[in-house]
Amino acid sequence: MIPSRMDSGLSLNIMDSCKAALLDLPFVIPDLVAEVNSLLDQIPRGSISTYGDLARALGDEKARSARWLGEFLKNHSCHAECHCHRVVRVNGEIGRHVSGDPQVKIQLLRSEGVPVSDLGIADMTRCTPHLHSSSPLTRLREYQHGWAKQVRFDGGPREVRSVAAVDVAYRPDGTAQGAYVQMDFPSLTVLREMVLRFPVVFPYIPGYLTFRELPVMLSLCEQARRENVLGDVIFVDGNGTLHPWRAGIATCLGVLLDHPVVGVGKSLLCGKVDLEEMSAADTRPVVDQGETLANAIKSKEDSRPIFVSAGHRMTLTDATRLARQSMTGHRLPEPIHHADRLTRQPRKVD
């Protein structure tokens, strides 16, 4: 059982949830709305483009942002000169329109000379071949590749006296609620909690989640550093080097803080691992392209495994040991479990 605040005899400084500004980030979060509007302006009257073409023009080679683009264009602030009706699906289907009525989109396209069948299929020979942007999503990938090259596995703490975790959840009002918790180690007594709300500066796009959550996590950790309550090791609910680019969010956070970080994933992002008849005492390696990137462990016999990887300034062996020593029966290490609960608690905003 985790010692309670009253039992611990330790002073606990709780920062109630309040609106907070993100710190000045050491990287640039692109203005995707401005980039998309610029792309729309490039589609001439009588022509069309696709959500996938817009995604690739943003630098997203696999067009994983196409779904976000569909949602954005369905809900964005449209104006009389807007060209959003000129974007269709890859098979020519009209797709949704900001008006809520696909017939409005069909009428607009036909009025501009784009043939649309009675089934709502646009003539794909009218596609604009080339759209140009500053490729903002390419720049984000380059950031991540660069951070992967800066990872260190040495330089961890000689003695771990406290552990911490940071987590983020998203609220219906469009803000991000971030939580930071610091715990004594190995007792896991709570020493410090912070719960802050931040503006969301980047949308949810598969493959780019790091840039949605990293600004909040980094701001919380820097606040903890300023208050001298940054844990000797930080746990993150997300992967470290267990990542196709070897740079999951735990690695990115660790490199930018230059601080020991452990990544804990709930699902297997890459690599292979044998989980057959796995017991709570087992440690199963996760191997990708001949490289051991993580270890699968379980807190209890009936728990699902988690995947522990080094984030930064931490060996895989030490990361796995600390994760085990920070478990109390929940699936995740206690600091992450506690931070996750804090992100979901409704709190009054000052």
Protein backbone atom coordinates (compact mmCIF):
# COMPACT_ATOMS: atom_id res chain seq x y z
CA MET A 1 0.00 0.00 0.00
CA ILE A 2 1.23 3.49 -0.85
CA PRO A 3 1.70 5.63 2.28
CA SER A 4 -0.91 8.37 2.48
CA ARG A 5 -0.08 12.05 2.67
CA MET A 6 -1.18 12.18 6.30
CA ASP A 7 0.82 9.09 7.25
CA SER A 8 3.98 10.15 5.49
CA GLY A 9 4.80 13.07 7.73
CA LEU A 10 6.16 14.83 4.63
CA SER A 11 5.16 18.26 3.53
CA LEU A 12 3.01 18.07 0.40
CA ASN A 13 2.62 21.10 -1.79
CA ILE A 14 -0.31 20.63 -4.17
CA MET A 15 -0.78 23.11 -6.98
CA ASP A 16 -4.47 23.22 -7.78
CA SER A 17 -5.36 23.08 -11.43
CA CYS A 18 -5.03 26.43 -13.14
CA LYS A 19 -4.64 27.76 -16.62
CA ALA A 20 -0.98 27.87 -17.56
CA ALA A 21 1.09 29.06 -20.46
CA LEU A 22 3.41 26.71 -22.27
CA LEU A 23 7.08 27.53 -21.92
CA ASP A 24 9.11 28.74 -24.86
CA LEU A 25 9.74 25.45 -26.63
CA PRO A 26 13.15 24.50 -28.04
CA PHE A 27 11.42 23.53 -31.28
CA VAL A 28 8.74 25.09 -33.46
CA ILE A 29 5.18 23.77 -33.48
CA PRO A 30 3.84 24.60 -36.95
CA ASP A 31 0.63 26.50 -37.58
CA LEU A 32 -1.17 23.74 -39.47
CA VAL A 33 -4.30 25.82 -39.94
CA ALA A 34 -2.35 28.49 -41.83
CA GLU A 35 -0.58 25.80 -43.87
CA VAL A 36 -3.88 24.13 -44.82
CA ASN A 37 -5.47 27.44 -45.77
CA SER A 38 -2.49 28.15 -48.01
CA LEU A 39 -2.93 24.77 -49.71
CA LEU A 40 -6.64 25.39 -50.26
CA ASP A 41 -5.83 28.71 -51.92
CA GLN A 42 -3.70 26.82 -54.47
CA ILE A 43 -6.62 24.74 -55.79
CA PRO A 44 -7.96 26.74 -58.76
CA ARG A 45 -11.57 27.06 -59.81
CA GLY A 46 -12.60 24.02 -61.86
CA SER A 47 -10.07 21.76 -60.12
CA ILE A 48 -10.07 19.50 -57.07
CA SER A 49 -7.60 17.86 -54.73
CA THR A 50 -7.80 15.03 -52.20
CA TYR A 51 -7.32 14.82 -48.46
CA GLY A 52 -4.36 12.53 -49.12
CA ASP A 53 -2.77 15.02 -51.51
CA LEU A 54 -3.08 17.76 -48.89
CA ALA A 55 -1.54 15.45 -46.29
CA ARG A 56 1.43 14.68 -48.53
CA ALA A 57 1.84 18.37 -49.35
CA LEU A 58 2.17 18.97 -45.60
CA GLY A 59 5.09 16.54 -45.59
CA ASP A 60 3.15 13.51 -44.39
CA GLU A 61 4.35 10.86 -46.83
CA LYS A 62 2.00 8.16 -45.53
CA ALA A 63 -0.97 10.56 -45.51
CA ARG A 64 -1.81 9.69 -41.89
CA SER A 65 -3.06 13.24 -41.43
CA ALA A 66 -5.78 12.79 -44.08
CA ARG A 67 -8.40 11.88 -41.48
CA TRP A 68 -7.56 14.94 -39.39
CA LEU A 69 -7.84 17.07 -42.53
CA GLY A 70 -11.32 15.67 -43.17
CA GLU A 71 -12.40 16.53 -39.63
CA PHE A 72 -10.78 19.95 -39.75
CA LEU A 73 -12.40 20.94 -43.05
CA LYS A 74 -15.78 19.72 -41.82
CA ASN A 75 -15.63 21.98 -38.78
CA HIS A 76 -13.38 24.91 -39.68
CA SER A 77 -14.34 28.56 -40.06
CA CYS A 78 -15.45 28.73 -43.68
CA HIS A 79 -15.87 32.02 -45.56
CA ALA A 80 -17.22 33.09 -48.94
CA GLU A 81 -13.84 32.76 -50.68
CA CYS A 82 -12.94 29.43 -49.04
CA HIS A 83 -11.96 26.56 -51.34
CA CYS A 84 -12.61 23.71 -48.90
CA HIS A 85 -15.35 22.29 -51.15
CA ARG A 86 -12.63 21.48 -53.71
CA VAL A 87 -11.18 18.69 -51.54
CA VAL A 88 -12.59 15.18 -52.06
CA ARG A 89 -11.71 11.61 -51.18
CA VAL A 90 -9.14 9.64 -53.13
CA ASN A 91 -11.86 7.66 -54.97
CA GLY A 92 -13.69 10.82 -55.96
CA GLU A 93 -16.37 10.61 -53.30
CA ILE A 94 -17.43 14.08 -52.24
CA GLY A 95 -16.96 13.52 -48.54
CA ARG A 96 -18.32 15.84 -45.89
CA HIS A 97 -18.83 19.59 -46.08
CA VAL A 98 -18.74 22.31 -43.47
CA SER A 99 -22.43 23.05 -44.16
CA GLY A 100 -23.38 19.53 -43.10
CA ASP A 101 -25.04 18.97 -46.49
CA PRO A 102 -23.01 17.16 -49.20
CA GLN A 103 -25.39 18.55 -51.83
CA VAL A 104 -24.05 22.04 -51.13
CA LYS A 105 -20.56 20.77 -51.93
CA ILE A 106 -21.78 19.09 -55.11
CA GLN A 107 -23.54 22.25 -56.27
CA LEU A 108 -20.46 24.38 -55.63
CA LEU A 109 -18.24 22.01 -57.62
CA ARG A 110 -20.67 21.78 -60.52
CA SER A 111 -21.02 25.57 -60.58
CA GLU A 112 -17.24 25.73 -61.07
CA GLY A 113 -17.28 23.23 -63.93
CA VAL A 114 -16.23 20.07 -62.07
CA PRO A 115 -18.32 17.09 -63.23
CA VAL A 116 -19.94 15.22 -60.33
CA SER A 117 -22.02 12.10 -60.95
CA ASP A 118 -25.47 11.51 -59.50
CA LEU A 119 -23.76 9.17 -57.02
CA GLY A 120 -21.64 12.04 -55.75
CA ILE A 121 -18.38 11.04 -57.45
CA ALA A 122 -16.19 13.87 -58.74
CA ASP A 123 -14.22 13.63 -61.97
CA MET A 124 -10.70 12.79 -60.75
CA THR A 125 -9.11 14.04 -63.98
CA ARG A 126 -9.70 17.50 -62.50
CA CYS A 127 -7.16 16.93 -59.70
CA THR A 128 -4.52 19.61 -59.20
CA PRO A 129 -1.22 17.73 -59.52
CA HIS A 130 1.08 19.75 -57.29
CA LEU A 131 0.46 21.63 -54.06
CA HIS A 132 3.24 23.30 -52.12
CA SER A 133 3.76 24.08 -48.44
CA SER A 134 6.68 24.48 -46.07
CA SER A 135 6.35 20.72 -45.33
CA PRO A 136 5.76 21.25 -41.60
CA LEU A 137 5.25 17.57 -40.84
CA THR A 138 8.58 16.76 -42.48
CA ARG A 139 10.23 19.19 -40.09
CA LEU A 140 8.63 17.44 -37.12
CA ARG A 141 10.00 14.09 -38.28
CA GLU A 142 13.43 15.68 -38.65
CA TYR A 143 13.25 16.92 -35.06
CA GLN A 144 12.52 13.40 -33.88
CA HIS A 145 15.31 11.85 -35.96
CA GLY A 146 17.70 14.45 -34.58
CA TRP A 147 16.72 13.70 -30.98
CA ALA A 148 17.25 9.99 -31.62
CA LYS A 149 20.90 10.75 -32.41
CA GLN A 150 21.33 12.52 -29.07
CA VAL A 151 20.19 9.64 -26.85
CA ARG A 152 22.61 8.54 -24.14
CA PHE A 153 22.39 5.40 -22.06
CA ASP A 154 24.97 6.52 -19.51
CA GLY A 155 24.81 9.41 -17.07
CA GLY A 156 22.00 8.09 -14.91
CA PRO A 157 21.76 8.91 -11.19
CA ARG A 158 24.14 7.08 -8.86
CA GLU A 159 21.37 6.88 -6.30
CA VAL A 160 17.64 7.17 -6.94
CA ARG A 161 15.93 8.98 -4.08
CA SER A 162 12.80 10.03 -5.91
CA VAL A 163 10.89 9.03 -9.01
CA ALA A 164 8.34 11.04 -10.94
CA ALA A 165 5.86 10.76 -13.77
CA VAL A 166 4.13 13.12 -16.13
CA ASP A 167 0.93 12.47 -18.07
CA VAL A 168 -1.60 14.35 -20.21
CA ALA A 169 -5.34 13.99 -20.83
CA TYR A 170 -7.64 16.05 -23.03
CA ARG A 171 -10.76 17.80 -21.81
CA PRO A 172 -14.05 18.45 -23.60
CA ASP A 173 -13.32 22.19 -23.57
CA GLY A 174 -10.32 21.63 -25.85
CA THR A 175 -7.62 22.10 -23.22
CA ALA A 176 -4.98 19.62 -22.08
CA GLN A 177 -4.84 18.69 -18.40
CA GLY A 178 -1.28 17.74 -17.51
CA ALA A 179 -0.20 16.14 -14.24
CA TYR A 180 3.18 15.74 -12.60
CA VAL A 181 3.81 13.64 -9.49
CA GLN A 182 7.02 13.14 -7.53
CA MET A 183 7.37 10.19 -5.15
CA ASP A 184 9.96 9.18 -2.61
CA PHE A 185 11.89 6.09 -3.67
CA PRO A 186 11.61 3.29 -2.76
CA SER A 187 8.69 4.02 -0.38
CA LEU A 188 6.65 5.67 -3.19
CA THR A 189 5.24 8.21 -0.77
CA VAL A 190 3.79 11.15 -2.70
CA LEU A 191 5.97 14.23 -2.28
CA ARG A 192 4.58 16.66 -4.86
CA GLU A 193 1.66 16.96 -7.23
CA MET A 194 1.01 19.48 -9.97
CA VAL A 195 -2.07 19.66 -12.15
CA LEU A 196 -2.12 22.34 -14.82
CA ARG A 197 -4.27 23.06 -17.84
CA PHE A 198 -2.67 24.14 -21.07
CA PRO A 199 -3.84 25.13 -24.53
CA VAL A 200 -3.64 22.34 -27.10
CA VAL A 201 -1.20 23.52 -29.76
CA PHE A 202 -1.23 20.52 -32.10
CA PRO A 203 -4.00 18.18 -33.29
CA TYR A 204 -4.16 14.42 -32.92
CA ILE A 205 -2.46 12.95 -35.98
CA PRO A 206 -1.30 9.30 -35.91
CA GLY A 207 2.48 9.18 -35.96
CA TYR A 208 2.80 12.73 -34.58
CA LEU A 209 1.37 12.27 -31.07
CA THR A 210 4.71 13.31 -29.56
CA PHE A 211 4.15 16.89 -30.72
CA ARG A 212 0.68 17.03 -29.18
CA GLU A 213 1.81 15.91 -25.70
CA LEU A 214 5.48 16.94 -25.52
CA PRO A 215 4.85 20.70 -25.01
CA VAL A 216 2.69 19.96 -21.95
CA MET A 217 5.08 17.37 -20.50
CA LEU A 218 8.10 19.59 -21.04
CA SER A 219 6.38 22.59 -19.44
CA LEU A 220 5.41 20.56 -16.36
CA CYS A 221 8.89 19.12 -15.94
CA GLU A 222 10.56 22.50 -16.31
CA GLN A 223 8.18 23.88 -13.68
CA ALA A 224 9.20 21.01 -11.38
CA ARG A 225 12.86 21.73 -12.10
CA ARG A 226 12.40 25.40 -11.19
CA GLU A 227 10.83 24.33 -7.89
CA ASN A 228 13.63 21.81 -7.29
CA VAL A 229 11.18 18.89 -7.21
CA LEU A 230 12.21 17.12 -10.42
CA GLY A 231 12.44 13.40 -9.70
CA ASP A 232 15.80 11.68 -10.13
CA VAL A 233 14.10 9.53 -12.79
CA ILE A 234 10.93 10.39 -14.71
CA PHE A 235 8.48 7.76 -15.97
CA VAL A 236 6.45 8.49 -19.10
CA ASP A 237 3.34 6.68 -20.31
CA GLY A 238 4.83 6.24 -23.77
CA ASN A 239 7.77 4.62 -25.45
CA GLY A 240 11.42 5.56 -25.33
CA THR A 241 13.73 3.80 -27.76
CA LEU A 242 11.00 1.23 -28.50
CA HIS A 243 10.03 3.18 -31.59
CA PRO A 244 10.60 2.77 -35.34
CA TRP A 245 12.86 5.86 -35.25
CA ARG A 246 14.22 4.99 -31.75
CA ALA A 247 12.69 8.24 -30.51
CA GLY A 248 9.37 7.81 -28.75
CA ILE A 249 8.01 10.58 -26.55
CA ALA A 250 10.00 9.40 -23.50
CA THR A 251 13.22 9.73 -25.47
CA CYS A 252 12.26 13.15 -26.84
CA LEU A 253 11.41 14.41 -23.36
CA GLY A 254 14.61 12.98 -21.88
CA VAL A 255 16.84 14.51 -24.55
CA LEU A 256 15.22 17.95 -24.28
CA LEU A 257 15.45 17.90 -20.48
CA ASP A 258 18.82 16.09 -20.55
CA HIS A 259 17.47 14.04 -17.67
CA PRO A 260 16.98 10.31 -16.94
CA VAL A 261 13.65 9.13 -18.36
CA VAL A 262 12.03 5.69 -18.62
CA GLY A 263 9.44 4.89 -21.28
CA VAL A 264 6.52 2.58 -20.47
CA GLY A 265 4.32 1.46 -23.36
CA LYS A 266 1.00 -0.35 -23.01
CA SER A 267 1.08 -1.79 -26.52
CA LEU A 268 3.84 -3.13 -28.74
CA LEU A 269 4.69 -0.37 -31.21
CA CYS A 270 7.41 -2.29 -33.02
CA GLY A 271 9.59 -5.36 -32.64
CA LYS A 272 8.78 -8.92 -31.63
CA VAL A 273 8.46 -10.54 -28.22
CA ASP A 274 7.43 -13.98 -26.95
CA LEU A 275 4.63 -13.52 -24.42
CA GLU A 276 3.52 -17.16 -24.27
CA GLU A 277 2.92 -18.39 -20.71
CA MET A 278 4.58 -15.28 -19.33
CA SER A 279 4.59 -14.99 -15.53
CA ALA A 280 4.99 -11.92 -13.33
CA ALA A 281 8.55 -12.98 -12.57
CA ASP A 282 9.54 -13.10 -16.24
CA THR A 283 11.37 -10.47 -18.25
CA ARG A 284 10.88 -10.94 -21.99
CA PRO A 285 13.08 -9.00 -24.44
CA VAL A 286 11.54 -7.03 -27.31
CA VAL A 287 13.77 -7.28 -30.38
CA ASP A 288 13.55 -5.20 -33.53
CA GLN A 289 15.97 -5.72 -36.43
CA GLY A 290 18.33 -7.63 -34.17
CA GLU A 291 18.37 -4.92 -31.47
CA THR A 292 16.88 -5.40 -27.99
CA LEU A 293 14.87 -2.23 -27.45
CA ALA A 294 12.66 -3.03 -24.48
CA ASN A 295 11.61 -5.59 -21.91
CA ALA A 296 8.09 -6.90 -21.37
CA ILE A 297 7.17 -7.25 -17.70
CA LYS A 298 3.98 -7.80 -15.67
CA SER A 299 2.97 -6.49 -12.26
CA LYS A 300 0.78 -9.51 -11.45
CA GLU A 301 0.09 -12.92 -12.92
CA ASP A 302 -3.26 -11.77 -14.33
CA SER A 303 -1.99 -8.40 -15.59
CA ARG A 304 -1.35 -7.58 -19.20
CA PRO A 305 2.33 -6.94 -19.95
CA ILE A 306 3.87 -3.51 -20.32
CA PHE A 307 6.90 -2.66 -22.43
CA VAL A 308 9.71 -0.82 -20.65
CA SER A 309 12.38 0.96 -22.67
CA ALA A 310 15.17 3.41 -21.97
CA GLY A 311 14.25 7.01 -22.71
CA HIS A 312 17.48 8.90 -22.05
CA ARG A 313 20.44 8.64 -19.64
CA MET A 314 19.20 5.23 -18.59
CA THR A 315 20.19 1.67 -19.49
CA LEU A 316 17.48 -0.83 -20.35
CA THR A 317 18.55 -2.93 -17.36
CA ASP A 318 18.18 -0.02 -14.94
CA ALA A 319 14.93 1.12 -16.55
CA THR A 320 13.43 -2.35 -16.13
CA ARG A 321 14.62 -2.65 -12.53
CA LEU A 322 13.19 0.74 -11.55
CA ALA A 323 9.88 -0.03 -13.26
CA ARG A 324 9.57 -3.27 -11.30
CA GLN A 325 10.50 -1.60 -8.03
CA SER A 326 7.87 1.09 -8.67
CA MET A 327 4.99 -1.35 -9.11
CA THR A 328 2.42 -1.89 -6.36
CA GLY A 329 -0.15 -4.10 -8.06
CA HIS A 330 -1.48 -1.77 -10.73
CA ARG A 331 -0.60 -2.57 -14.31
CA LEU A 332 1.62 0.52 -14.64
CA PRO A 333 4.38 1.74 -12.32
CA GLU A 334 2.82 3.69 -9.45
CA PRO A 335 4.07 7.15 -10.52
CA ILE A 336 2.40 6.79 -13.93
CA HIS A 337 -0.76 5.33 -12.41
CA HIS A 338 -0.99 8.24 -9.98
CA ALA A 339 -0.30 10.89 -12.63
CA ASP A 340 -2.92 9.34 -14.91
CA ARG A 341 -5.53 9.59 -12.14
CA LEU A 342 -4.66 13.24 -11.59
CA THR A 343 -5.14 14.10 -15.27
CA ARG A 344 -8.69 12.76 -15.14
CA GLN A 345 -9.83 14.40 -11.92
CA PRO A 346 -12.14 17.38 -12.40
CA ARG A 347 -10.61 20.41 -10.72
CA LYS A 348 -11.72 23.96 -10.36
CA VAL A 349 -9.85 26.34 -12.63
CA ASP A 350 -8.72 29.57 -11.00
